[in-house]
N, C-alpha and C. Protein backbone atom coordinates (compact mmCIF):
# COMPACT_ATOMS: atom_id res chain seq x y z
N MET A 1 89.63 89.61 89.99
CA MET A 1 90.91 89.97 89.40
C MET A 1 91.95 88.99 89.91
N LYS A 2 92.64 88.40 88.96
CA LYS A 2 93.69 87.45 89.30
C LYS A 2 95.05 88.01 88.75
N LEU A 3 96.03 87.84 89.59
CA LEU A 3 97.38 88.16 89.09
C LEU A 3 97.81 86.98 88.27
N SER A 4 98.58 87.23 87.25
CA SER A 4 99.09 86.08 86.46
C SER A 4 100.25 85.45 87.18
N THR A 5 100.73 84.33 86.65
CA THR A 5 101.90 83.71 87.21
C THR A 5 103.08 84.63 87.15
N LYS A 6 103.13 85.52 86.12
CA LYS A 6 104.22 86.46 86.04
C LYS A 6 104.35 87.34 87.28
N GLY A 7 103.23 87.87 87.70
CA GLY A 7 103.20 88.74 88.91
C GLY A 7 103.53 87.97 90.19
N ARG A 8 102.92 86.78 90.33
CA ARG A 8 103.13 85.95 91.51
C ARG A 8 104.57 85.43 91.60
N TYR A 9 105.10 84.91 90.48
CA TYR A 9 106.47 84.41 90.46
C TYR A 9 107.49 85.49 90.57
N GLY A 10 107.23 86.66 89.91
CA GLY A 10 108.19 87.77 90.00
C GLY A 10 108.28 88.31 91.46
N THR A 11 107.20 88.35 92.13
CA THR A 11 107.21 88.78 93.53
C THR A 11 107.88 87.78 94.47
N ARG A 12 107.63 86.52 94.20
CA ARG A 12 108.32 85.46 94.98
C ARG A 12 109.82 85.47 94.75
N ALA A 13 110.25 85.70 93.47
CA ALA A 13 111.66 85.82 93.15
C ALA A 13 112.35 86.93 93.88
N LEU A 14 111.68 88.07 93.90
CA LEU A 14 112.23 89.23 94.59
C LEU A 14 112.28 88.95 96.10
N LEU A 15 111.27 88.34 96.65
CA LEU A 15 111.36 87.95 98.10
C LEU A 15 112.51 87.07 98.33
N ASP A 16 112.72 86.09 97.46
CA ASP A 16 113.85 85.14 97.65
C ASP A 16 115.12 85.92 97.60
N LEU A 17 115.33 86.84 96.69
CA LEU A 17 116.54 87.68 96.66
C LEU A 17 116.70 88.46 97.95
N ALA A 18 115.66 89.00 98.54
CA ALA A 18 115.70 89.73 99.76
C ALA A 18 116.10 88.80 100.91
N LEU A 19 115.64 87.59 100.91
CA LEU A 19 115.90 86.66 102.00
C LEU A 19 117.23 86.02 101.91
N HIS A 20 117.74 85.74 100.67
CA HIS A 20 119.00 84.99 100.48
C HIS A 20 120.08 85.80 99.91
N GLY A 21 119.83 87.00 99.52
CA GLY A 21 120.84 87.88 98.91
C GLY A 21 121.50 88.70 99.93
N GLY A 22 121.70 89.95 99.60
CA GLY A 22 122.52 90.83 100.41
C GLY A 22 123.49 91.45 99.52
N LYS A 23 124.77 91.44 99.91
CA LYS A 23 125.80 92.01 99.07
C LYS A 23 126.37 91.03 98.07
N GLU A 24 126.07 89.75 98.23
CA GLU A 24 126.58 88.71 97.30
C GLU A 24 125.51 88.36 96.34
N PRO A 25 125.83 88.17 95.03
CA PRO A 25 124.85 87.75 94.06
C PRO A 25 124.34 86.35 94.29
N VAL A 26 123.13 86.14 93.90
CA VAL A 26 122.47 84.83 94.03
C VAL A 26 122.28 84.25 92.64
N LEU A 27 122.53 82.98 92.43
CA LEU A 27 122.31 82.33 91.15
C LEU A 27 120.80 82.18 90.88
N LEU A 28 120.40 82.52 89.70
CA LEU A 28 119.02 82.39 89.31
C LEU A 28 118.57 80.96 89.42
N LYS A 29 119.41 80.00 89.12
CA LYS A 29 119.01 78.60 89.25
C LYS A 29 118.65 78.23 90.66
N ASP A 30 119.33 78.87 91.62
CA ASP A 30 119.00 78.58 93.05
C ASP A 30 117.66 79.18 93.43
N VAL A 31 117.39 80.40 92.92
CA VAL A 31 116.11 81.06 93.17
C VAL A 31 115.01 80.15 92.55
N ALA A 32 115.26 79.77 91.33
CA ALA A 32 114.26 78.93 90.64
C ALA A 32 113.97 77.64 91.40
N GLN A 33 115.02 77.04 91.93
CA GLN A 33 114.82 75.78 92.66
C GLN A 33 114.04 76.03 93.98
N ARG A 34 114.47 77.01 94.74
CA ARG A 34 113.86 77.31 96.01
C ARG A 34 112.35 77.63 95.78
N GLU A 35 112.07 78.47 94.79
CA GLU A 35 110.75 79.00 94.58
C GLU A 35 109.89 78.10 93.71
N GLU A 36 110.48 77.07 93.17
CA GLU A 36 109.83 76.13 92.25
C GLU A 36 109.26 76.90 91.04
N ILE A 37 110.12 77.67 90.38
CA ILE A 37 109.79 78.43 89.19
C ILE A 37 110.68 77.90 88.12
N PRO A 38 110.19 77.55 86.94
CA PRO A 38 111.01 77.12 85.88
C PRO A 38 112.08 78.17 85.54
N LEU A 39 113.34 77.71 85.45
CA LEU A 39 114.46 78.61 85.22
C LEU A 39 114.28 79.52 83.99
N ASN A 40 113.88 78.95 82.87
CA ASN A 40 113.76 79.80 81.69
C ASN A 40 112.61 80.80 81.84
N TYR A 41 111.61 80.50 82.63
CA TYR A 41 110.53 81.48 82.89
C TYR A 41 111.03 82.59 83.81
N LEU A 42 111.87 82.19 84.80
CA LEU A 42 112.44 83.19 85.73
C LEU A 42 113.40 84.10 85.01
N GLU A 43 114.16 83.57 84.08
CA GLU A 43 115.06 84.41 83.32
C GLU A 43 114.28 85.47 82.53
N HIS A 44 113.15 85.09 82.02
CA HIS A 44 112.26 86.03 81.24
C HIS A 44 111.70 87.08 82.19
N LEU A 45 111.28 86.62 83.46
CA LEU A 45 110.66 87.57 84.39
C LEU A 45 111.65 88.56 84.99
N ILE A 46 112.88 88.22 85.10
CA ILE A 46 113.85 89.04 85.74
C ILE A 46 114.32 90.24 84.86
N ARG A 47 114.18 90.03 83.55
CA ARG A 47 114.65 91.09 82.59
C ARG A 47 114.01 92.46 82.87
N PRO A 48 112.72 92.56 82.93
CA PRO A 48 112.17 93.93 83.22
C PRO A 48 112.58 94.48 84.55
N LEU A 49 112.84 93.64 85.53
CA LEU A 49 113.31 94.11 86.83
C LEU A 49 114.75 94.66 86.77
N ILE A 50 115.55 94.05 85.91
CA ILE A 50 116.90 94.52 85.70
C ILE A 50 116.88 95.81 84.87
N ALA A 51 116.04 95.87 83.86
CA ALA A 51 115.93 97.06 83.04
C ALA A 51 115.48 98.24 83.85
N ALA A 52 114.63 98.05 84.85
CA ALA A 52 114.08 99.11 85.65
C ALA A 52 115.04 99.44 86.78
N GLY A 53 116.13 98.71 86.96
CA GLY A 53 117.11 99.03 88.02
C GLY A 53 116.76 98.49 89.39
N MET A 54 115.77 97.64 89.42
CA MET A 54 115.36 97.02 90.73
C MET A 54 116.28 95.90 91.09
N VAL A 55 116.76 95.20 90.08
CA VAL A 55 117.68 94.04 90.23
C VAL A 55 118.92 94.31 89.43
N ARG A 56 120.05 93.87 89.92
CA ARG A 56 121.33 93.99 89.16
C ARG A 56 121.80 92.63 88.84
N SER A 57 122.36 92.52 87.64
CA SER A 57 122.93 91.26 87.14
C SER A 57 124.43 91.40 87.13
N ILE A 58 125.14 90.44 87.65
CA ILE A 58 126.55 90.44 87.62
C ILE A 58 127.05 89.18 86.92
N ARG A 59 127.92 89.38 85.89
CA ARG A 59 128.38 88.26 85.13
C ARG A 59 129.64 87.67 85.75
N GLY A 60 130.00 86.46 85.33
CA GLY A 60 131.27 85.93 85.76
C GLY A 60 131.10 84.72 86.73
N PRO A 61 132.19 84.16 87.13
CA PRO A 61 132.15 82.97 87.98
C PRO A 61 131.46 83.22 89.32
N LYS A 62 131.57 84.44 89.86
CA LYS A 62 130.95 84.76 91.12
C LYS A 62 129.68 85.65 90.87
N GLY A 63 129.15 85.49 89.71
CA GLY A 63 128.02 86.32 89.30
C GLY A 63 126.69 85.81 89.73
N GLY A 64 125.66 86.52 89.31
CA GLY A 64 124.29 86.18 89.69
C GLY A 64 123.46 87.44 89.66
N VAL A 65 122.40 87.43 90.46
CA VAL A 65 121.61 88.63 90.55
C VAL A 65 121.40 89.02 92.00
N LEU A 66 121.16 90.32 92.22
CA LEU A 66 120.89 90.76 93.57
C LEU A 66 120.02 92.01 93.47
N LEU A 67 119.39 92.33 94.61
CA LEU A 67 118.57 93.56 94.63
C LEU A 67 119.47 94.73 94.41
N ASN A 68 119.01 95.70 93.65
CA ASN A 68 119.74 96.93 93.43
C ASN A 68 119.24 98.04 94.34
N LYS A 69 118.15 97.76 95.05
CA LYS A 69 117.58 98.69 96.00
C LYS A 69 117.35 97.96 97.29
N SER A 70 117.23 98.62 98.37
CA SER A 70 116.95 97.94 99.61
C SER A 70 115.47 97.47 99.63
N PRO A 71 115.17 96.38 100.31
CA PRO A 71 113.78 95.92 100.35
C PRO A 71 112.78 96.91 100.86
N GLU A 72 113.24 97.84 101.72
CA GLU A 72 112.32 98.92 102.17
C GLU A 72 111.92 99.89 101.07
N GLU A 73 112.75 99.98 100.00
CA GLU A 73 112.50 100.91 98.95
C GLU A 73 111.65 100.29 97.81
N ILE A 74 111.43 98.99 97.85
CA ILE A 74 110.67 98.36 96.77
C ILE A 74 109.25 98.11 97.17
N LYS A 75 108.34 98.85 96.51
CA LYS A 75 106.93 98.68 96.76
C LYS A 75 106.33 97.70 95.88
N LEU A 76 105.34 96.91 96.35
CA LEU A 76 104.74 95.86 95.47
C LEU A 76 104.02 96.47 94.31
N SER A 77 103.57 97.73 94.48
CA SER A 77 102.90 98.42 93.40
C SER A 77 103.85 98.56 92.21
N GLU A 78 105.12 98.88 92.49
CA GLU A 78 106.13 99.05 91.46
C GLU A 78 106.42 97.74 90.79
N VAL A 79 106.51 96.63 91.59
CA VAL A 79 106.83 95.35 91.06
C VAL A 79 105.73 94.90 90.13
N ILE A 80 104.50 94.95 90.56
CA ILE A 80 103.35 94.45 89.79
C ILE A 80 103.21 95.29 88.53
N GLN A 81 103.37 96.60 88.61
CA GLN A 81 103.28 97.48 87.45
C GLN A 81 104.35 97.04 86.44
N LEU A 82 105.56 96.81 86.86
CA LEU A 82 106.62 96.40 85.92
C LEU A 82 106.34 95.08 85.24
N ILE A 83 105.83 94.14 86.00
CA ILE A 83 105.70 92.73 85.48
C ILE A 83 104.31 92.61 84.81
N GLU A 84 103.30 93.09 85.43
CA GLU A 84 101.93 92.84 84.90
C GLU A 84 101.36 93.99 84.03
N GLY A 85 101.81 95.21 84.35
CA GLY A 85 101.10 96.33 83.76
C GLY A 85 100.02 96.78 84.68
N SER A 86 98.97 97.33 84.15
CA SER A 86 97.85 97.82 84.97
C SER A 86 97.13 96.67 85.64
N ILE A 87 96.73 96.95 86.89
CA ILE A 87 95.93 95.91 87.61
C ILE A 87 94.44 96.17 87.56
N ALA A 88 94.06 97.15 86.74
CA ALA A 88 92.62 97.42 86.62
C ALA A 88 91.89 96.17 86.18
N PRO A 89 90.75 95.87 86.78
CA PRO A 89 90.02 94.64 86.43
C PRO A 89 89.38 94.77 85.05
N VAL A 90 89.17 95.95 84.50
CA VAL A 90 88.64 96.12 83.17
C VAL A 90 89.41 97.32 82.55
N GLU A 91 89.52 97.31 81.26
CA GLU A 91 90.32 98.28 80.60
C GLU A 91 89.73 99.70 80.68
N CYS A 92 88.42 99.83 80.78
CA CYS A 92 87.80 101.19 80.78
C CYS A 92 88.19 101.97 82.03
N VAL A 93 88.70 101.29 83.07
CA VAL A 93 89.07 102.00 84.26
C VAL A 93 90.29 102.89 83.99
N THR A 94 91.22 102.41 83.26
CA THR A 94 92.43 103.18 82.94
C THR A 94 92.33 103.89 81.62
N ASN A 95 91.39 103.50 80.81
CA ASN A 95 91.26 104.06 79.47
C ASN A 95 89.75 104.29 79.16
N PRO A 96 89.20 105.31 79.83
CA PRO A 96 87.74 105.58 79.67
C PRO A 96 87.28 105.86 78.24
N GLU A 97 88.23 106.34 77.41
CA GLU A 97 87.83 106.68 76.03
C GLU A 97 87.37 105.50 75.22
N ILE A 98 87.69 104.30 75.63
CA ILE A 98 87.36 103.10 74.86
C ILE A 98 85.85 102.80 74.90
N CYS A 99 85.16 103.42 75.83
CA CYS A 99 83.70 103.10 76.00
C CYS A 99 82.92 104.41 76.09
N SER A 100 81.90 104.50 75.29
CA SER A 100 81.08 105.70 75.29
C SER A 100 80.23 105.79 76.53
N ARG A 101 80.12 104.75 77.34
CA ARG A 101 79.32 104.78 78.57
C ARG A 101 80.11 105.02 79.81
N SER A 102 81.41 105.26 79.68
CA SER A 102 82.29 105.39 80.85
C SER A 102 81.82 106.40 81.86
N GLN A 103 81.34 107.51 81.40
CA GLN A 103 80.94 108.64 82.35
C GLN A 103 79.65 108.21 83.14
N SER A 104 78.78 107.39 82.59
CA SER A 104 77.51 107.11 83.26
C SER A 104 77.45 105.67 83.77
N CYS A 105 78.46 104.88 83.57
CA CYS A 105 78.40 103.45 83.91
C CYS A 105 78.73 103.24 85.40
N VAL A 106 77.73 102.71 86.13
CA VAL A 106 77.91 102.44 87.59
C VAL A 106 78.79 101.25 87.84
N THR A 107 78.76 100.28 86.96
CA THR A 107 79.64 99.18 87.23
C THR A 107 81.11 99.59 87.05
N ARG A 108 81.42 100.48 86.15
CA ARG A 108 82.79 101.00 86.03
C ARG A 108 83.18 101.68 87.34
N ASP A 109 82.31 102.30 88.00
CA ASP A 109 82.58 102.94 89.31
C ASP A 109 83.07 101.87 90.30
N ILE A 110 82.40 100.73 90.29
CA ILE A 110 82.82 99.59 91.20
C ILE A 110 84.18 99.09 90.82
N TRP A 111 84.40 98.89 89.50
CA TRP A 111 85.75 98.42 89.03
C TRP A 111 86.82 99.39 89.45
N SER A 112 86.49 100.69 89.35
CA SER A 112 87.47 101.72 89.74
C SER A 112 87.75 101.65 91.23
N GLU A 113 86.71 101.44 92.07
CA GLU A 113 86.91 101.28 93.46
C GLU A 113 87.77 100.06 93.82
N MET A 114 87.54 98.98 93.04
CA MET A 114 88.36 97.78 93.27
C MET A 114 89.85 98.04 92.98
N LYS A 115 90.08 98.74 91.90
CA LYS A 115 91.49 99.05 91.54
C LYS A 115 92.11 99.96 92.61
N GLU A 116 91.35 100.96 93.03
CA GLU A 116 91.89 101.85 94.10
C GLU A 116 92.23 101.10 95.35
N ALA A 117 91.39 100.14 95.80
CA ALA A 117 91.68 99.41 96.94
C ALA A 117 92.94 98.52 96.81
N MET A 118 93.07 97.88 95.61
CA MET A 118 94.30 97.12 95.34
C MET A 118 95.51 97.99 95.30
N ASP A 119 95.36 99.21 94.72
CA ASP A 119 96.50 100.15 94.71
C ASP A 119 96.96 100.52 96.09
N VAL A 120 96.02 100.76 97.00
CA VAL A 120 96.34 101.11 98.38
C VAL A 120 97.15 100.03 99.04
N VAL A 121 96.74 98.78 98.87
CA VAL A 121 97.42 97.65 99.50
C VAL A 121 98.84 97.51 98.88
N LEU A 122 98.94 97.51 97.57
CA LEU A 122 100.21 97.31 96.89
C LEU A 122 101.19 98.46 97.16
N GLU A 123 100.64 99.68 97.19
CA GLU A 123 101.47 100.86 97.41
C GLU A 123 102.01 100.90 98.83
N SER A 124 101.26 100.37 99.78
CA SER A 124 101.64 100.47 101.20
C SER A 124 102.46 99.20 101.64
N THR A 125 102.68 98.29 100.74
CA THR A 125 103.44 97.03 101.05
C THR A 125 104.77 97.08 100.34
N THR A 126 105.82 96.92 101.13
CA THR A 126 107.16 96.84 100.61
C THR A 126 107.72 95.38 100.60
N LEU A 127 108.81 95.19 99.92
CA LEU A 127 109.44 93.93 99.98
C LEU A 127 109.90 93.56 101.38
N GLN A 128 110.27 94.62 102.11
CA GLN A 128 110.71 94.34 103.52
C GLN A 128 109.46 93.88 104.33
N ASN A 129 108.29 94.39 104.09
CA ASN A 129 107.11 93.87 104.74
C ASN A 129 106.89 92.39 104.51
N LEU A 130 107.17 91.94 103.25
CA LEU A 130 107.08 90.55 102.91
C LEU A 130 108.12 89.71 103.62
N VAL A 131 109.34 90.26 103.73
CA VAL A 131 110.41 89.57 104.44
C VAL A 131 109.98 89.34 105.89
N GLU A 132 109.47 90.35 106.55
CA GLU A 132 109.00 90.27 107.95
C GLU A 132 107.86 89.27 108.08
N ARG A 133 106.93 89.28 107.16
CA ARG A 133 105.82 88.35 107.20
C ARG A 133 106.35 86.88 107.04
N HIS A 134 107.26 86.73 106.10
CA HIS A 134 107.86 85.44 105.92
C HIS A 134 108.55 84.90 107.17
N ARG A 135 109.33 85.72 107.76
CA ARG A 135 110.04 85.32 109.00
C ARG A 135 109.08 84.94 110.14
N LYS A 136 108.00 85.70 110.26
CA LYS A 136 107.01 85.37 111.28
C LYS A 136 106.37 83.98 111.03
N LYS A 137 106.10 83.71 109.75
CA LYS A 137 105.50 82.43 109.42
C LYS A 137 106.46 81.24 109.61
N GLN A 138 107.77 81.54 109.59
CA GLN A 138 108.74 80.51 109.73
C GLN A 138 109.01 80.15 111.25
N GLN A 139 108.61 81.07 112.14
CA GLN A 139 108.84 80.84 113.59
C GLN A 139 107.78 79.85 114.09
N PRO A 140 108.23 78.87 114.86
CA PRO A 140 107.25 77.91 115.41
C PRO A 140 106.37 78.62 116.43
N GLU A 141 105.13 78.26 116.46
CA GLU A 141 104.19 78.80 117.45
C GLU A 141 104.54 78.27 118.83
N PRO A 142 104.45 79.12 119.85
CA PRO A 142 104.72 78.70 121.19
C PRO A 142 103.73 77.60 121.62
N ALA A 143 104.24 76.66 122.40
CA ALA A 143 103.35 75.60 122.88
C ALA A 143 102.44 76.18 123.93
N MET A 144 101.15 75.68 123.84
CA MET A 144 100.18 76.12 124.82
C MET A 144 99.99 75.10 125.87
N TYR A 145 100.11 75.49 127.11
CA TYR A 145 99.95 74.56 128.23
C TYR A 145 98.70 74.96 129.00
N TYR A 146 97.90 73.99 129.22
CA TYR A 146 96.67 74.21 130.01
C TYR A 146 96.82 73.59 131.35
N ILE A 147 96.42 74.27 132.35
CA ILE A 147 96.48 73.75 133.71
C ILE A 147 95.11 73.46 134.23
């Protein structure tokens, strides 16, 4: 199962807003530049996040976008669902009626287990968790001295 660029870029854009935002709006062009996302693509990605109330858009000379919820309140499961839709590796996992073999198919059981495992990770990870991971990766490792 691969996330599309929509899911990856949307998550990176939200992380950027969490890192560089706060109470002041951030220009989308700045997010696009820092995250190396084409601006027109980012504008398209941000719309469902605004519609869902996760991001707020402010117009005017001091306008831009900012998180409408705290990073602790934004779960990756919510982000991916908004941007990607279902993360099930095959359609029969979320829509068993499409296949007459759904009830007896052992491979469908595996695909369901895969989806459940991904759900657990995404549901238990918040945008704040990503902020903390990002900050740890930005810290230089301590020098090791051998005697």
